[in-house]
Amino acid sequence: MMDRREFVRELLIDRRDLLVVCGLGSATYDVAAAGDHPLNFYLWGAMGGAAMIGLGLALAQPGRRVAVITGDGDMLMGFGSLATIGVKQPKNLVIVVLDNAHYGETGMQPSHTHAGIDLAGVALACRFKHARVVSRIDGAVEVRALLHAGEGPILVNARINPDDVPRVLPLRDGHVIKQRFIEALNPA
């Protein structure tokens, strides 16, 4: 299993104009730790919504690459979104699930992936073009390539250590996050 911060940092090296939707909690902290960016869309209090927000963005911006970086708890909460994404088939969408097999924001209770639920298998059953499990840091190079050029929809289940790392809090004002993102998406 991998160090979550190192893995996310490796994914976002030379991110260019990648649009990044961050799932609730630790995924947001990990993306912020890799470097704040106006094309990061941080979610606060939207448990289970990251994949659907990523889908909407991918459909609205078909010429742009969209990465959803979220945790296993958020993905499990929004499980039905995988079916909708499979139906819509956005070629520019990649979902990276940081899977520590625990609900990190509520006390580290074991999640369903701890009990053997296979997120990559579910994604394939939902007609994702590609789904894979990554558990070594050297896999980050391949995942980064998928973020920028893979034909989606793609799901990557990244097995990470269940370590509790210090929080790096980005912007918390939803209106400011939205406005900054829109301005960066559509520069004058």
N, C-alpha and C. Protein backbone atom coordinates (compact mmCIF):
# COMPACT_ATOMS: atom_id res chain seq x y z
N MET A 1 0.84 -1.18 0.00
CA MET A 1 0.00 0.00 0.00
C MET A 1 0.88 1.24 0.00
N MET A 2 0.30 2.33 -0.46
CA MET A 2 1.07 3.55 -0.71
C MET A 2 0.80 4.64 0.31
N ASP A 3 1.73 5.57 0.37
CA ASP A 3 1.53 6.80 1.10
C ASP A 3 0.62 7.69 0.27
N ARG A 4 -0.49 8.10 0.83
CA ARG A 4 -1.51 8.86 0.10
C ARG A 4 -0.97 10.18 -0.44
N ARG A 5 -0.25 10.93 0.37
CA ARG A 5 0.24 12.24 -0.06
C ARG A 5 1.24 12.12 -1.19
N GLU A 6 2.12 11.15 -1.07
CA GLU A 6 3.12 10.95 -2.13
C GLU A 6 2.43 10.57 -3.44
N PHE A 7 1.44 9.69 -3.37
CA PHE A 7 0.72 9.25 -4.57
C PHE A 7 0.00 10.43 -5.23
N VAL A 8 -0.74 11.21 -4.47
CA VAL A 8 -1.46 12.35 -5.05
C VAL A 8 -0.49 13.38 -5.61
N ARG A 9 0.59 13.63 -4.90
CA ARG A 9 1.61 14.57 -5.39
C ARG A 9 2.15 14.09 -6.74
N GLU A 10 2.43 12.79 -6.86
CA GLU A 10 2.93 12.24 -8.12
C GLU A 10 1.89 12.37 -9.24
N LEU A 11 0.61 12.21 -8.92
CA LEU A 11 -0.43 12.34 -9.94
C LEU A 11 -0.52 13.75 -10.50
N LEU A 12 -0.29 14.73 -9.65
CA LEU A 12 -0.51 16.12 -10.04
C LEU A 12 0.75 16.86 -10.49
N ILE A 13 1.85 16.14 -10.64
CA ILE A 13 3.05 16.75 -11.21
C ILE A 13 2.72 17.14 -12.65
N ASP A 14 3.09 18.34 -13.03
CA ASP A 14 2.86 18.82 -14.40
C ASP A 14 1.41 18.60 -14.82
N ARG A 15 0.49 19.06 -14.02
CA ARG A 15 -0.95 18.83 -14.24
C ARG A 15 -1.51 19.61 -15.41
N ARG A 16 -0.80 20.63 -15.85
CA ARG A 16 -1.26 21.49 -16.95
C ARG A 16 -2.65 22.03 -16.64
N ASP A 17 -3.62 21.80 -17.53
CA ASP A 17 -4.96 22.37 -17.34
C ASP A 17 -5.97 21.32 -16.89
N LEU A 18 -5.49 20.30 -16.20
CA LEU A 18 -6.35 19.25 -15.68
C LEU A 18 -7.35 19.82 -14.68
N LEU A 19 -8.63 19.50 -14.86
CA LEU A 19 -9.67 19.90 -13.93
C LEU A 19 -9.76 18.83 -12.86
N VAL A 20 -9.68 19.22 -11.59
CA VAL A 20 -9.65 18.26 -10.50
C VAL A 20 -10.80 18.52 -9.53
N VAL A 21 -11.66 17.53 -9.38
CA VAL A 21 -12.74 17.57 -8.40
C VAL A 21 -12.27 16.73 -7.21
N CYS A 22 -12.27 17.35 -6.04
CA CYS A 22 -11.76 16.69 -4.85
C CYS A 22 -12.91 16.22 -3.97
N GLY A 23 -12.89 14.96 -3.61
CA GLY A 23 -13.90 14.42 -2.71
C GLY A 23 -13.75 14.95 -1.31
N LEU A 24 -14.78 14.76 -0.54
CA LEU A 24 -14.87 15.23 0.83
C LEU A 24 -13.71 14.70 1.69
N GLY A 25 -13.19 15.54 2.55
CA GLY A 25 -12.24 15.11 3.57
C GLY A 25 -10.82 14.93 3.10
N SER A 26 -10.25 13.78 3.39
CA SER A 26 -8.83 13.54 3.18
C SER A 26 -8.38 13.73 1.74
N ALA A 27 -9.22 13.39 0.77
CA ALA A 27 -8.83 13.60 -0.63
C ALA A 27 -8.61 15.09 -0.90
N THR A 28 -9.47 15.93 -0.34
CA THR A 28 -9.29 17.38 -0.48
C THR A 28 -7.98 17.81 0.17
N TYR A 29 -7.69 17.31 1.37
CA TYR A 29 -6.46 17.68 2.05
C TYR A 29 -5.23 17.23 1.25
N ASP A 30 -5.32 16.04 0.64
CA ASP A 30 -4.19 15.52 -0.14
C ASP A 30 -3.94 16.35 -1.39
N VAL A 31 -5.01 16.73 -2.08
CA VAL A 31 -4.86 17.56 -3.29
C VAL A 31 -4.32 18.93 -2.89
N ALA A 32 -4.82 19.52 -1.82
CA ALA A 32 -4.32 20.81 -1.36
C ALA A 32 -2.84 20.72 -0.97
N ALA A 33 -2.44 19.61 -0.35
CA ALA A 33 -1.04 19.43 0.04
C ALA A 33 -0.14 19.34 -1.18
N ALA A 34 -0.68 18.85 -2.29
CA ALA A 34 0.10 18.77 -3.54
C ALA A 34 0.25 20.13 -4.19
N GLY A 35 -0.53 21.11 -3.75
CA GLY A 35 -0.45 22.46 -4.28
C GLY A 35 -1.81 23.00 -4.67
N ASP A 36 -2.18 24.11 -4.08
CA ASP A 36 -3.45 24.73 -4.43
C ASP A 36 -3.41 25.18 -5.88
N HIS A 37 -4.55 25.10 -6.54
CA HIS A 37 -4.63 25.47 -7.95
C HIS A 37 -6.05 25.96 -8.21
N PRO A 38 -6.22 26.98 -9.04
CA PRO A 38 -7.58 27.47 -9.31
C PRO A 38 -8.47 26.46 -10.02
N LEU A 39 -7.89 25.43 -10.63
CA LEU A 39 -8.69 24.39 -11.29
C LEU A 39 -8.94 23.19 -10.38
N ASN A 40 -8.71 23.38 -9.07
CA ASN A 40 -9.13 22.39 -8.07
C ASN A 40 -10.51 22.81 -7.58
N PHE A 41 -11.45 21.89 -7.65
CA PHE A 41 -12.79 22.16 -7.15
C PHE A 41 -12.96 21.36 -5.87
N TYR A 42 -12.76 22.03 -4.73
CA TYR A 42 -12.83 21.39 -3.43
C TYR A 42 -14.28 21.26 -2.99
N LEU A 43 -14.65 20.07 -2.52
CA LEU A 43 -16.00 19.85 -2.02
C LEU A 43 -15.98 19.82 -0.50
N TRP A 44 -16.92 20.52 0.10
CA TRP A 44 -17.08 20.53 1.55
C TRP A 44 -18.53 20.13 1.82
N GLY A 45 -18.71 19.05 2.54
CA GLY A 45 -20.06 18.64 2.93
C GLY A 45 -20.88 18.06 1.79
N ALA A 46 -20.23 17.45 0.83
CA ALA A 46 -20.95 16.88 -0.33
C ALA A 46 -20.66 15.38 -0.43
N MET A 47 -20.80 14.67 0.67
CA MET A 47 -20.47 13.25 0.72
C MET A 47 -21.19 12.47 -0.38
N GLY A 48 -20.41 11.76 -1.19
CA GLY A 48 -20.96 10.94 -2.26
C GLY A 48 -21.17 11.68 -3.56
N GLY A 49 -20.86 12.97 -3.61
CA GLY A 49 -21.15 13.77 -4.80
C GLY A 49 -20.00 13.98 -5.76
N ALA A 50 -18.79 13.61 -5.41
CA ALA A 50 -17.63 13.95 -6.23
C ALA A 50 -17.72 13.36 -7.64
N ALA A 51 -18.07 12.09 -7.77
CA ALA A 51 -18.10 11.46 -9.10
C ALA A 51 -19.15 12.10 -10.00
N MET A 52 -20.31 12.45 -9.44
CA MET A 52 -21.36 13.06 -10.26
C MET A 52 -21.00 14.49 -10.65
N ILE A 53 -20.33 15.22 -9.77
CA ILE A 53 -19.87 16.55 -10.15
C ILE A 53 -18.82 16.43 -11.24
N GLY A 54 -17.95 15.44 -11.12
CA GLY A 54 -16.96 15.19 -12.18
C GLY A 54 -17.62 14.83 -13.49
N LEU A 55 -18.67 14.02 -13.44
CA LEU A 55 -19.40 13.66 -14.65
C LEU A 55 -20.01 14.90 -15.30
N GLY A 56 -20.68 15.72 -14.53
CA GLY A 56 -21.28 16.93 -15.08
C GLY A 56 -20.24 17.82 -15.72
N LEU A 57 -19.10 17.96 -15.08
CA LEU A 57 -18.02 18.78 -15.62
C LEU A 57 -17.45 18.17 -16.90
N ALA A 58 -17.27 16.85 -16.92
CA ALA A 58 -16.76 16.17 -18.11
C ALA A 58 -17.71 16.32 -19.30
N LEU A 59 -19.01 16.24 -19.04
CA LEU A 59 -19.99 16.40 -20.11
C LEU A 59 -20.06 17.84 -20.60
N ALA A 60 -19.94 18.80 -19.68
CA ALA A 60 -20.00 20.21 -20.05
C ALA A 60 -18.74 20.70 -20.74
N GLN A 61 -17.61 20.02 -20.47
CA GLN A 61 -16.30 20.42 -21.01
C GLN A 61 -15.64 19.24 -21.72
N PRO A 62 -16.22 18.74 -22.81
CA PRO A 62 -15.70 17.52 -23.42
C PRO A 62 -14.28 17.65 -23.98
N GLY A 63 -13.82 18.85 -24.16
CA GLY A 63 -12.45 19.06 -24.66
C GLY A 63 -11.42 19.16 -23.56
N ARG A 64 -11.84 19.05 -22.31
CA ARG A 64 -10.94 19.15 -21.16
C ARG A 64 -10.88 17.81 -20.43
N ARG A 65 -9.76 17.53 -19.81
CA ARG A 65 -9.60 16.32 -19.00
C ARG A 65 -10.07 16.60 -17.58
N VAL A 66 -10.83 15.67 -17.02
CA VAL A 66 -11.39 15.82 -15.68
C VAL A 66 -10.95 14.64 -14.82
N ALA A 67 -10.38 14.96 -13.67
CA ALA A 67 -10.00 13.94 -12.69
C ALA A 67 -10.80 14.15 -11.43
N VAL A 68 -11.41 13.10 -10.94
CA VAL A 68 -12.04 13.10 -9.63
C VAL A 68 -11.09 12.35 -8.72
N ILE A 69 -10.67 13.00 -7.66
CA ILE A 69 -9.82 12.34 -6.66
C ILE A 69 -10.63 12.32 -5.37
N THR A 70 -10.98 11.11 -4.95
CA THR A 70 -11.88 10.97 -3.81
C THR A 70 -11.50 9.75 -2.99
N GLY A 71 -12.17 9.56 -1.88
CA GLY A 71 -11.89 8.42 -1.02
C GLY A 71 -12.88 7.30 -1.21
N ASP A 72 -12.59 6.16 -0.60
CA ASP A 72 -13.48 5.01 -0.72
C ASP A 72 -14.83 5.27 -0.06
N GLY A 73 -14.86 6.01 1.05
CA GLY A 73 -16.13 6.31 1.70
C GLY A 73 -17.03 7.15 0.82
N ASP A 74 -16.47 8.17 0.18
CA ASP A 74 -17.24 9.03 -0.73
C ASP A 74 -17.73 8.22 -1.93
N MET A 75 -16.87 7.37 -2.47
CA MET A 75 -17.26 6.58 -3.65
C MET A 75 -18.35 5.58 -3.27
N LEU A 76 -18.22 4.96 -2.11
CA LEU A 76 -19.25 4.02 -1.67
C LEU A 76 -20.58 4.73 -1.44
N MET A 77 -20.54 5.95 -0.91
CA MET A 77 -21.77 6.71 -0.68
C MET A 77 -22.43 7.05 -2.02
N GLY A 78 -21.64 7.29 -3.05
CA GLY A 78 -22.17 7.64 -4.36
C GLY A 78 -22.08 6.48 -5.35
N PHE A 79 -22.24 5.26 -4.85
CA PHE A 79 -22.06 4.05 -5.66
C PHE A 79 -22.87 4.06 -6.96
N GLY A 80 -24.09 4.54 -6.90
CA GLY A 80 -24.94 4.56 -8.10
C GLY A 80 -24.40 5.44 -9.20
N SER A 81 -23.52 6.38 -8.86
CA SER A 81 -22.95 7.25 -9.88
C SER A 81 -22.13 6.47 -10.90
N LEU A 82 -21.56 5.35 -10.48
CA LEU A 82 -20.77 4.54 -11.42
C LEU A 82 -21.64 4.04 -12.56
N ALA A 83 -22.88 3.66 -12.28
CA ALA A 83 -23.79 3.20 -13.33
C ALA A 83 -24.13 4.34 -14.28
N THR A 84 -24.40 5.52 -13.74
CA THR A 84 -24.73 6.67 -14.58
C THR A 84 -23.54 7.05 -15.46
N ILE A 85 -22.36 7.04 -14.89
CA ILE A 85 -21.16 7.34 -15.67
C ILE A 85 -20.98 6.29 -16.77
N GLY A 86 -21.23 5.03 -16.45
CA GLY A 86 -21.13 3.97 -17.45
C GLY A 86 -22.10 4.16 -18.61
N VAL A 87 -23.27 4.67 -18.32
CA VAL A 87 -24.26 4.93 -19.36
C VAL A 87 -23.83 6.12 -20.22
N LYS A 88 -23.33 7.18 -19.59
CA LYS A 88 -22.98 8.41 -20.30
C LYS A 88 -21.65 8.31 -21.06
N GLN A 89 -20.73 7.45 -20.63
CA GLN A 89 -19.46 7.19 -21.30
C GLN A 89 -18.61 8.43 -21.60
N PRO A 90 -18.33 9.26 -20.61
CA PRO A 90 -17.46 10.42 -20.86
C PRO A 90 -16.02 9.98 -21.11
N LYS A 91 -15.51 10.29 -22.26
CA LYS A 91 -14.16 9.86 -22.64
C LYS A 91 -13.06 10.60 -21.88
N ASN A 92 -13.41 11.73 -21.26
CA ASN A 92 -12.43 12.60 -20.61
C ASN A 92 -12.45 12.52 -19.09
N LEU A 93 -13.07 11.50 -18.53
CA LEU A 93 -13.23 11.40 -17.07
C LEU A 93 -12.43 10.24 -16.49
N VAL A 94 -11.66 10.55 -15.44
CA VAL A 94 -10.93 9.54 -14.68
C VAL A 94 -11.27 9.75 -13.21
N ILE A 95 -11.64 8.67 -12.54
CA ILE A 95 -11.92 8.71 -11.11
C ILE A 95 -10.81 7.94 -10.41
N VAL A 96 -10.14 8.61 -9.48
CA VAL A 96 -9.10 7.98 -8.67
C VAL A 96 -9.65 7.88 -7.25
N VAL A 97 -9.80 6.65 -6.78
CA VAL A 97 -10.31 6.42 -5.43
C VAL A 97 -9.13 6.11 -4.52
N LEU A 98 -8.92 6.97 -3.54
CA LEU A 98 -7.89 6.75 -2.52
C LEU A 98 -8.50 5.84 -1.47
N ASP A 99 -8.19 4.56 -1.58
CA ASP A 99 -8.86 3.52 -0.80
C ASP A 99 -8.00 3.05 0.36
N ASN A 100 -8.32 3.56 1.55
CA ASN A 100 -7.62 3.09 2.75
C ASN A 100 -8.44 2.05 3.51
N ALA A 101 -9.58 1.65 2.91
CA ALA A 101 -10.47 0.63 3.48
C ALA A 101 -11.07 1.05 4.83
N HIS A 102 -11.13 2.36 5.04
CA HIS A 102 -11.69 2.90 6.29
C HIS A 102 -12.44 4.19 6.01
N TYR A 103 -13.38 4.49 6.89
CA TYR A 103 -14.06 5.78 6.86
C TYR A 103 -13.25 6.75 7.73
N GLY A 104 -12.31 7.43 7.10
CA GLY A 104 -11.35 8.25 7.81
C GLY A 104 -11.93 9.46 8.52
N GLU A 105 -12.99 10.02 8.00
CA GLU A 105 -13.54 11.24 8.58
C GLU A 105 -14.44 11.00 9.77
N THR A 106 -14.82 9.75 10.01
CA THR A 106 -15.77 9.49 11.10
C THR A 106 -15.22 8.56 12.18
N GLY A 107 -13.91 8.30 12.14
CA GLY A 107 -13.33 7.50 13.22
C GLY A 107 -12.61 6.24 12.80
N MET A 108 -12.34 6.09 11.52
CA MET A 108 -11.58 4.95 10.99
C MET A 108 -12.28 3.60 11.13
N GLN A 109 -13.61 3.62 11.04
CA GLN A 109 -14.32 2.35 10.98
C GLN A 109 -14.00 1.68 9.65
N PRO A 110 -13.93 0.34 9.59
CA PRO A 110 -13.67 -0.34 8.32
C PRO A 110 -14.78 -0.03 7.30
N SER A 111 -14.36 0.24 6.07
CA SER A 111 -15.34 0.49 5.01
C SER A 111 -15.69 -0.82 4.31
N HIS A 112 -16.56 -0.74 3.35
CA HIS A 112 -16.97 -1.94 2.62
C HIS A 112 -15.82 -2.53 1.79
N THR A 113 -14.87 -1.70 1.37
CA THR A 113 -13.74 -2.26 0.64
C THR A 113 -12.89 -3.12 1.57
N HIS A 114 -12.90 -2.80 2.84
CA HIS A 114 -12.20 -3.63 3.83
C HIS A 114 -12.82 -5.03 3.86
N ALA A 115 -14.13 -5.10 3.60
CA ALA A 115 -14.85 -6.38 3.60
C ALA A 115 -14.82 -7.06 2.22
N GLY A 116 -14.07 -6.49 1.26
CA GLY A 116 -13.89 -7.16 -0.02
C GLY A 116 -14.66 -6.60 -1.20
N ILE A 117 -15.41 -5.51 -1.03
CA ILE A 117 -16.10 -4.92 -2.18
C ILE A 117 -15.04 -4.40 -3.15
N ASP A 118 -15.17 -4.76 -4.40
CA ASP A 118 -14.18 -4.49 -5.44
C ASP A 118 -14.65 -3.33 -6.31
N LEU A 119 -14.15 -2.13 -6.03
CA LEU A 119 -14.58 -0.95 -6.77
C LEU A 119 -14.22 -1.03 -8.25
N ALA A 120 -13.04 -1.56 -8.57
CA ALA A 120 -12.65 -1.70 -9.98
C ALA A 120 -13.57 -2.68 -10.68
N GLY A 121 -13.92 -3.76 -10.03
CA GLY A 121 -14.84 -4.73 -10.62
C GLY A 121 -16.22 -4.14 -10.85
N VAL A 122 -16.69 -3.34 -9.91
CA VAL A 122 -17.99 -2.69 -10.07
C VAL A 122 -17.93 -1.72 -11.25
N ALA A 123 -16.85 -0.95 -11.36
CA ALA A 123 -16.71 -0.01 -12.47
C ALA A 123 -16.74 -0.75 -13.81
N LEU A 124 -16.05 -1.85 -13.91
CA LEU A 124 -16.08 -2.63 -15.16
C LEU A 124 -17.48 -3.16 -15.44
N ALA A 125 -18.19 -3.59 -14.40
CA ALA A 125 -19.56 -4.05 -14.58
C ALA A 125 -20.47 -2.91 -15.04
N CYS A 126 -20.07 -1.67 -14.72
CA CYS A 126 -20.84 -0.50 -15.14
C CYS A 126 -20.34 0.07 -16.47
N ARG A 127 -19.60 -0.72 -17.20
CA ARG A 127 -19.14 -0.39 -18.56
C ARG A 127 -18.07 0.70 -18.63
N PHE A 128 -17.28 0.85 -17.57
CA PHE A 128 -16.12 1.74 -17.67
C PHE A 128 -15.16 1.13 -18.69
N LYS A 129 -14.46 1.97 -19.45
CA LYS A 129 -13.50 1.48 -20.45
C LYS A 129 -12.32 0.77 -19.79
N HIS A 130 -11.89 1.33 -18.66
CA HIS A 130 -10.74 0.77 -17.94
C HIS A 130 -10.99 0.90 -16.45
N ALA A 131 -10.52 -0.06 -15.70
CA ALA A 131 -10.52 0.01 -14.24
C ALA A 131 -9.35 -0.83 -13.76
N ARG A 132 -8.65 -0.30 -12.79
CA ARG A 132 -7.49 -1.03 -12.27
C ARG A 132 -7.24 -0.70 -10.82
N VAL A 133 -6.49 -1.58 -10.20
CA VAL A 133 -6.06 -1.40 -8.82
C VAL A 133 -4.58 -1.10 -8.84
N VAL A 134 -4.18 -0.10 -8.07
CA VAL A 134 -2.77 0.28 -7.95
C VAL A 134 -2.42 0.26 -6.48
N SER A 135 -1.32 -0.40 -6.13
CA SER A 135 -0.93 -0.46 -4.73
C SER A 135 0.54 -0.13 -4.51
N ARG A 136 1.23 0.25 -5.58
CA ARG A 136 2.65 0.64 -5.47
C ARG A 136 2.84 2.02 -6.07
N ILE A 137 3.72 2.79 -5.47
CA ILE A 137 3.91 4.18 -5.88
C ILE A 137 4.39 4.28 -7.33
N ASP A 138 5.11 3.28 -7.82
CA ASP A 138 5.56 3.37 -9.22
C ASP A 138 4.39 3.30 -10.20
N GLY A 139 3.22 2.90 -9.74
CA GLY A 139 2.02 2.91 -10.58
C GLY A 139 1.48 4.31 -10.83
N ALA A 140 1.97 5.29 -10.07
CA ALA A 140 1.49 6.67 -10.23
C ALA A 140 1.83 7.22 -11.61
N VAL A 141 2.92 6.81 -12.19
CA VAL A 141 3.31 7.29 -13.52
C VAL A 141 2.27 6.87 -14.55
N GLU A 142 1.85 5.63 -14.50
CA GLU A 142 0.83 5.13 -15.42
C GLU A 142 -0.52 5.81 -15.19
N VAL A 143 -0.87 6.01 -13.93
CA VAL A 143 -2.14 6.68 -13.62
C VAL A 143 -2.10 8.12 -14.11
N ARG A 144 -0.98 8.80 -13.92
CA ARG A 144 -0.84 10.18 -14.42
C ARG A 144 -1.04 10.23 -15.92
N ALA A 145 -0.51 9.26 -16.65
CA ALA A 145 -0.72 9.20 -18.10
C ALA A 145 -2.20 9.03 -18.44
N LEU A 146 -2.89 8.20 -17.67
CA LEU A 146 -4.33 8.02 -17.88
C LEU A 146 -5.10 9.32 -17.64
N LEU A 147 -4.69 10.07 -16.62
CA LEU A 147 -5.36 11.34 -16.32
C LEU A 147 -5.31 12.28 -17.52
N HIS A 148 -4.21 12.24 -18.26
CA HIS A 148 -4.01 13.20 -19.34
C HIS A 148 -4.39 12.67 -20.72
N ALA A 149 -4.48 11.34 -20.88
CA ALA A 149 -4.71 10.84 -22.24
C ALA A 149 -5.52 9.56 -22.33
N GLY A 150 -5.87 8.94 -21.24
CA GLY A 150 -6.61 7.68 -21.32
C GLY A 150 -8.05 7.90 -21.76
N GLU A 151 -8.59 6.92 -22.50
CA GLU A 151 -9.98 7.01 -22.93
C GLU A 151 -10.88 6.52 -21.82
N GLY A 152 -11.73 7.40 -21.36
CA GLY A 152 -12.61 7.08 -20.24
C GLY A 152 -13.96 6.58 -20.69
N PRO A 153 -14.75 6.28 -19.68
CA PRO A 153 -14.45 6.51 -18.28
C PRO A 153 -13.47 5.49 -17.71
N ILE A 154 -12.68 5.97 -16.77
CA ILE A 154 -11.65 5.16 -16.13
C ILE A 154 -11.81 5.28 -14.62
N LEU A 155 -11.64 4.15 -13.92
CA LEU A 155 -11.58 4.18 -12.47
C LEU A 155 -10.28 3.53 -12.02
N VAL A 156 -9.58 4.21 -11.13
CA VAL A 156 -8.35 3.68 -10.54
C VAL A 156 -8.61 3.56 -9.04
N ASN A 157 -8.49 2.34 -8.53
CA ASN A 157 -8.61 2.10 -7.10
C ASN A 157 -7.20 2.05 -6.53
N ALA A 158 -6.82 3.15 -5.86
CA ALA A 158 -5.46 3.27 -5.31
C ALA A 158 -5.47 2.83 -3.86
N ARG A 159 -4.80 1.74 -3.59
CA ARG A 159 -4.73 1.20 -2.23
C ARG A 159 -3.68 1.99 -1.45
N ILE A 160 -4.14 2.70 -0.45
CA ILE A 160 -3.25 3.56 0.32
C ILE A 160 -3.24 3.13 1.78
N ASN A 161 -2.19 3.52 2.48
CA ASN A 161 -2.09 3.24 3.90
C ASN A 161 -3.17 3.99 4.66
N PRO A 162 -3.70 3.40 5.72
CA PRO A 162 -4.73 4.10 6.50
C PRO A 162 -4.16 5.09 7.51
N ASP A 163 -3.01 5.66 7.20
CA ASP A 163 -2.37 6.61 8.11
C ASP A 163 -3.19 7.89 8.23
N ASP A 164 -3.16 8.46 9.41
CA ASP A 164 -3.80 9.74 9.66
C ASP A 164 -2.73 10.80 9.50
N VAL A 165 -2.80 11.55 8.40
CA VAL A 165 -1.79 12.58 8.13
C VAL A 165 -2.37 13.94 8.46
N PRO A 166 -1.51 14.91 8.75
CA PRO A 166 -2.00 16.25 9.09
C PRO A 166 -2.85 16.84 7.96
N ARG A 167 -3.88 17.54 8.36
CA ARG A 167 -4.77 18.17 7.38
C ARG A 167 -4.11 19.41 6.77
N VAL A 168 -4.27 19.55 5.48
CA VAL A 168 -3.89 20.76 4.77
C VAL A 168 -5.20 21.33 4.24
N LEU A 169 -5.67 22.39 4.86
CA LEU A 169 -6.97 22.93 4.54
C LEU A 169 -6.87 23.99 3.44
N PRO A 170 -7.51 23.73 2.31
CA PRO A 170 -7.56 24.75 1.26
C PRO A 170 -8.71 25.72 1.56
N LEU A 171 -9.05 26.52 0.58
CA LEU A 171 -10.21 27.40 0.70
C LEU A 171 -11.42 26.62 1.20
N ARG A 172 -12.23 27.26 2.03
CA ARG A 172 -13.43 26.60 2.54
C ARG A 172 -14.70 27.33 2.14
N ASP A 173 -14.58 28.46 1.50
CA ASP A 173 -15.74 29.25 1.09
C ASP A 173 -16.22 28.74 -0.28
N GLY A 174 -17.36 28.05 -0.28
CA GLY A 174 -17.88 27.44 -1.51
C GLY A 174 -18.07 28.42 -2.64
N HIS A 175 -18.55 29.62 -2.34
CA HIS A 175 -18.76 30.62 -3.38
C HIS A 175 -17.43 31.04 -4.01
N VAL A 176 -16.43 31.28 -3.17
CA VAL A 176 -15.11 31.68 -3.67
C VAL A 176 -14.49 30.55 -4.50
N ILE A 177 -14.62 29.31 -4.02
CA ILE A 177 -14.08 28.16 -4.77
C ILE A 177 -14.74 28.09 -6.15
N LYS A 178 -16.05 28.22 -6.19
CA LYS A 178 -16.78 28.15 -7.46
C LYS A 178 -16.36 29.28 -8.40
N GLN A 179 -16.32 30.51 -7.91
CA GLN A 179 -15.98 31.65 -8.75
C GLN A 179 -14.55 31.54 -9.28
N ARG A 180 -13.63 31.15 -8.42
CA ARG A 180 -12.24 31.00 -8.84
C ARG A 180 -12.11 29.93 -9.91
N PHE A 181 -12.84 28.83 -9.74
CA PHE A 181 -12.81 27.74 -10.69
C PHE A 181 -13.38 28.19 -12.05
N ILE A 182 -14.51 28.87 -12.02
CA ILE A 182 -15.14 29.35 -13.26
C ILE A 182 -14.21 30.31 -13.99
N GLU A 183 -13.60 31.22 -13.26
CA GLU A 183 -12.68 32.18 -13.88
C GLU A 183 -11.47 31.48 -14.50
N ALA A 184 -10.94 30.46 -13.82
CA ALA A 184 -9.79 29.72 -14.36
C ALA A 184 -10.20 28.85 -15.55
N LEU A 185 -11.43 28.38 -15.53
CA LEU A 185 -11.95 27.54 -16.62
C LEU A 185 -12.20 28.36 -17.88
N ASN A 186 -12.64 29.59 -17.69
CA ASN A 186 -12.99 30.47 -18.82
C ASN A 186 -12.23 31.79 -18.70
N PRO A 187 -10.91 31.78 -18.90
CA PRO A 187 -10.16 33.04 -18.75
C PRO A 187 -10.61 34.06 -19.79
N ALA A 188 -10.59 35.31 -19.38
CA ALA A 188 -11.04 36.40 -20.27
C ALA A 188 -10.10 36.64 -21.43
